[in-house]
Amino acid sequence: MLTNIMYVTIYVTDQDRALGFYTEGLGLEKRLDFPGPDGRFLTVGVPDSRCRSSCGRRRLPRDSRPTRAGMPRPVR
């Protein structure tokens, strides 16, 4: 049984747009915005809650031609 969730990762293509959606649209607050060496680490969360959502930038492989239902190809 789950009793606590700390992070939930949501992959997005545009972190700035996602930040606006989650903060202005849904009322979440920005918790962390760190431009690290491997890319930006951005988290948002419900005010007065420990749970955070990480909005990670999705990086598609070079061979990312859509397959059925528009899903990217798996990396080999």
N, C-alpha and C. Protein backbone atom coordinates (compact mmCIF):
# COMPACT_ATOMS: atom_id res chain seq x y z
N MET A 1 0.84 -1.17 0.00
CA MET A 1 0.00 0.00 0.00
C MET A 1 0.89 1.24 0.00
N LEU A 2 0.58 2.18 -0.87
CA LEU A 2 1.31 3.44 -0.91
C LEU A 2 0.85 4.35 0.23
N THR A 3 1.80 4.94 0.91
CA THR A 3 1.45 5.88 1.97
C THR A 3 2.00 7.27 1.71
N ASN A 4 2.96 7.39 0.77
CA ASN A 4 3.57 8.68 0.50
C ASN A 4 4.16 8.69 -0.90
N ILE A 5 3.98 9.76 -1.63
CA ILE A 5 4.59 9.93 -2.94
C ILE A 5 5.42 11.20 -2.88
N MET A 6 6.68 11.10 -3.30
CA MET A 6 7.56 12.27 -3.24
C MET A 6 7.64 12.95 -4.60
N TYR A 7 7.92 12.20 -5.68
CA TYR A 7 8.05 12.78 -7.01
C TYR A 7 7.24 12.00 -8.02
N VAL A 8 6.67 12.72 -8.96
CA VAL A 8 6.02 12.14 -10.12
C VAL A 8 6.62 12.87 -11.32
N THR A 9 7.14 12.13 -12.30
CA THR A 9 7.76 12.76 -13.46
C THR A 9 6.78 12.82 -14.61
N ILE A 10 6.67 13.98 -15.20
CA ILE A 10 5.83 14.19 -16.37
C ILE A 10 6.74 14.72 -17.47
N TYR A 11 6.85 13.97 -18.57
CA TYR A 11 7.70 14.41 -19.67
C TYR A 11 6.95 15.41 -20.54
N VAL A 12 7.60 16.52 -20.82
CA VAL A 12 7.00 17.58 -21.61
C VAL A 12 7.97 17.99 -22.72
N THR A 13 7.46 18.63 -23.75
CA THR A 13 8.32 19.10 -24.84
C THR A 13 8.74 20.55 -24.64
N ASP A 14 8.03 21.30 -23.83
CA ASP A 14 8.33 22.70 -23.59
C ASP A 14 8.16 22.99 -22.09
N GLN A 15 9.26 23.08 -21.36
CA GLN A 15 9.19 23.26 -19.92
C GLN A 15 8.62 24.61 -19.51
N ASP A 16 8.89 25.66 -20.27
CA ASP A 16 8.34 26.97 -19.93
C ASP A 16 6.82 26.97 -20.06
N ARG A 17 6.33 26.38 -21.13
CA ARG A 17 4.88 26.29 -21.34
C ARG A 17 4.22 25.42 -20.26
N ALA A 18 4.88 24.31 -19.92
CA ALA A 18 4.35 23.43 -18.87
C ALA A 18 4.32 24.15 -17.53
N LEU A 19 5.37 24.92 -17.24
CA LEU A 19 5.39 25.68 -15.98
C LEU A 19 4.22 26.64 -15.91
N GLY A 20 3.93 27.35 -17.00
CA GLY A 20 2.79 28.25 -17.03
C GLY A 20 1.47 27.52 -16.83
N PHE A 21 1.34 26.37 -17.46
CA PHE A 21 0.10 25.60 -17.34
C PHE A 21 -0.12 25.13 -15.89
N TYR A 22 0.91 24.56 -15.30
CA TYR A 22 0.75 24.02 -13.95
C TYR A 22 0.64 25.09 -12.87
N THR A 23 1.32 26.22 -13.05
CA THR A 23 1.24 27.27 -12.03
C THR A 23 0.05 28.19 -12.23
N GLU A 24 -0.11 28.71 -13.44
CA GLU A 24 -1.20 29.65 -13.70
C GLU A 24 -2.54 28.95 -13.93
N GLY A 25 -2.51 27.82 -14.61
CA GLY A 25 -3.74 27.11 -14.93
C GLY A 25 -4.27 26.24 -13.81
N LEU A 26 -3.37 25.50 -13.15
CA LEU A 26 -3.81 24.56 -12.11
C LEU A 26 -3.56 25.05 -10.69
N GLY A 27 -2.83 26.14 -10.53
CA GLY A 27 -2.60 26.70 -9.20
C GLY A 27 -1.49 26.04 -8.41
N LEU A 28 -0.63 25.25 -9.06
CA LEU A 28 0.51 24.67 -8.36
C LEU A 28 1.58 25.73 -8.19
N GLU A 29 2.55 25.48 -7.33
CA GLU A 29 3.62 26.44 -7.14
C GLU A 29 4.94 25.86 -7.64
N LYS A 30 5.79 26.74 -8.17
CA LYS A 30 7.11 26.30 -8.62
C LYS A 30 7.94 26.03 -7.38
N ARG A 31 8.55 24.85 -7.31
CA ARG A 31 9.37 24.48 -6.16
C ARG A 31 10.86 24.59 -6.45
N LEU A 32 11.27 24.08 -7.61
CA LEU A 32 12.70 24.06 -7.93
C LEU A 32 12.86 24.28 -9.43
N ASP A 33 13.81 25.09 -9.80
CA ASP A 33 14.10 25.36 -11.21
C ASP A 33 15.62 25.48 -11.31
N PHE A 34 16.27 24.37 -11.66
CA PHE A 34 17.72 24.30 -11.65
C PHE A 34 18.24 23.99 -13.05
N PRO A 35 19.05 24.89 -13.63
CA PRO A 35 19.62 24.64 -14.96
C PRO A 35 20.89 23.81 -14.85
N GLY A 36 20.76 22.51 -14.61
CA GLY A 36 21.91 21.64 -14.40
C GLY A 36 22.65 21.30 -15.68
N PRO A 37 23.79 20.63 -15.54
CA PRO A 37 24.62 20.29 -16.70
C PRO A 37 23.93 19.30 -17.65
N ASP A 38 23.00 18.51 -17.16
CA ASP A 38 22.28 17.55 -18.00
C ASP A 38 20.93 18.08 -18.44
N GLY A 39 20.68 19.35 -18.24
CA GLY A 39 19.40 19.95 -18.61
C GLY A 39 18.69 20.52 -17.40
N ARG A 40 17.66 21.21 -17.66
CA ARG A 40 16.88 21.90 -16.62
C ARG A 40 16.10 20.90 -15.77
N PHE A 41 16.16 21.08 -14.45
CA PHE A 41 15.38 20.27 -13.52
C PHE A 41 14.33 21.19 -12.92
N LEU A 42 13.08 20.92 -13.21
CA LEU A 42 11.97 21.78 -12.83
C LEU A 42 10.94 20.98 -12.05
N THR A 43 10.55 21.48 -10.89
CA THR A 43 9.49 20.80 -10.14
C THR A 43 8.41 21.79 -9.73
N VAL A 44 7.19 21.30 -9.65
CA VAL A 44 6.04 22.06 -9.18
C VAL A 44 5.31 21.19 -8.16
N GLY A 45 4.50 21.81 -7.32
CA GLY A 45 3.77 21.04 -6.33
C GLY A 45 2.57 21.79 -5.80
N VAL A 46 1.73 21.04 -5.12
CA VAL A 46 0.55 21.61 -4.48
C VAL A 46 1.03 22.39 -3.26
N PRO A 47 0.57 23.63 -3.08
CA PRO A 47 0.97 24.39 -1.89
C PRO A 47 0.70 23.60 -0.60
N ASP A 48 1.64 23.66 0.33
CA ASP A 48 1.53 22.97 1.62
C ASP A 48 1.50 21.45 1.51
N SER A 49 2.10 20.90 0.47
CA SER A 49 2.18 19.46 0.29
C SER A 49 3.62 19.09 -0.03
N ARG A 50 4.05 17.90 0.37
CA ARG A 50 5.41 17.45 0.09
C ARG A 50 5.54 16.85 -1.30
N CYS A 51 4.46 16.45 -1.91
CA CYS A 51 4.51 15.82 -3.23
C CYS A 51 4.90 16.84 -4.29
N ARG A 52 5.78 16.45 -5.20
CA ARG A 52 6.23 17.32 -6.29
C ARG A 52 6.10 16.58 -7.61
N SER A 53 5.88 17.34 -8.65
CA SER A 53 5.90 16.81 -10.01
C SER A 53 7.13 17.37 -10.70
N SER A 54 7.90 16.50 -11.30
CA SER A 54 9.07 16.91 -12.06
C SER A 54 8.66 17.00 -13.52
N CYS A 55 8.89 18.15 -14.15
CA CYS A 55 8.56 18.34 -15.56
C CYS A 55 9.84 18.19 -16.36
N GLY A 56 10.15 16.97 -16.72
CA GLY A 56 11.38 16.68 -17.45
C GLY A 56 11.19 16.86 -18.94
N ARG A 57 12.21 17.39 -19.59
CA ARG A 57 12.13 17.58 -21.04
C ARG A 57 12.40 16.26 -21.71
N ARG A 58 11.47 15.86 -22.54
CA ARG A 58 11.59 14.58 -23.23
C ARG A 58 12.55 14.72 -24.40
N ARG A 59 13.52 13.85 -24.44
CA ARG A 59 14.49 13.86 -25.54
C ARG A 59 14.26 12.63 -26.39
N LEU A 60 13.87 12.87 -27.62
CA LEU A 60 13.61 11.76 -28.53
C LEU A 60 14.89 11.33 -29.22
N PRO A 61 15.03 10.04 -29.51
CA PRO A 61 16.20 9.58 -30.24
C PRO A 61 16.19 10.14 -31.66
N ARG A 62 17.35 10.12 -32.31
CA ARG A 62 17.44 10.61 -33.68
C ARG A 62 16.42 9.94 -34.59
N ASP A 63 16.28 8.65 -34.44
CA ASP A 63 15.33 7.90 -35.27
C ASP A 63 13.98 7.90 -34.55
N SER A 64 13.31 9.03 -34.56
CA SER A 64 12.05 9.14 -33.82
C SER A 64 10.86 9.26 -34.75
N ARG A 65 10.95 8.58 -35.89
CA ARG A 65 9.79 8.56 -36.78
C ARG A 65 8.61 7.94 -36.06
N PRO A 66 7.45 8.55 -36.18
CA PRO A 66 6.28 7.98 -35.49
C PRO A 66 5.95 6.59 -35.98
N THR A 67 5.54 5.74 -35.08
CA THR A 67 5.03 4.42 -35.42
C THR A 67 3.53 4.49 -35.23
N ARG A 68 2.89 3.41 -34.99
CA ARG A 68 1.43 3.45 -34.84
C ARG A 68 1.02 4.36 -33.70
N ALA A 69 -0.05 5.01 -33.86
CA ALA A 69 -0.65 5.93 -32.88
C ALA A 69 0.27 7.10 -32.55
N GLY A 70 1.25 7.40 -33.44
CA GLY A 70 2.09 8.55 -33.23
C GLY A 70 3.13 8.42 -32.14
N MET A 71 3.37 7.21 -31.65
CA MET A 71 4.36 6.99 -30.59
C MET A 71 5.76 6.95 -31.20
N PRO A 72 6.77 7.48 -30.47
CA PRO A 72 8.14 7.42 -31.00
C PRO A 72 8.66 5.99 -31.00
N ARG A 73 9.62 5.73 -31.89
CA ARG A 73 10.22 4.41 -31.96
C ARG A 73 11.06 4.16 -30.71
N PRO A 74 11.17 2.90 -30.31
CA PRO A 74 12.04 2.58 -29.16
C PRO A 74 13.51 2.77 -29.53
N VAL A 75 14.33 3.08 -28.55
CA VAL A 75 15.76 3.23 -28.75
C VAL A 75 16.40 1.84 -28.73
N ARG A 76 17.27 1.56 -29.68
CA ARG A 76 17.92 0.24 -29.73
C ARG A 76 19.35 0.32 -29.34
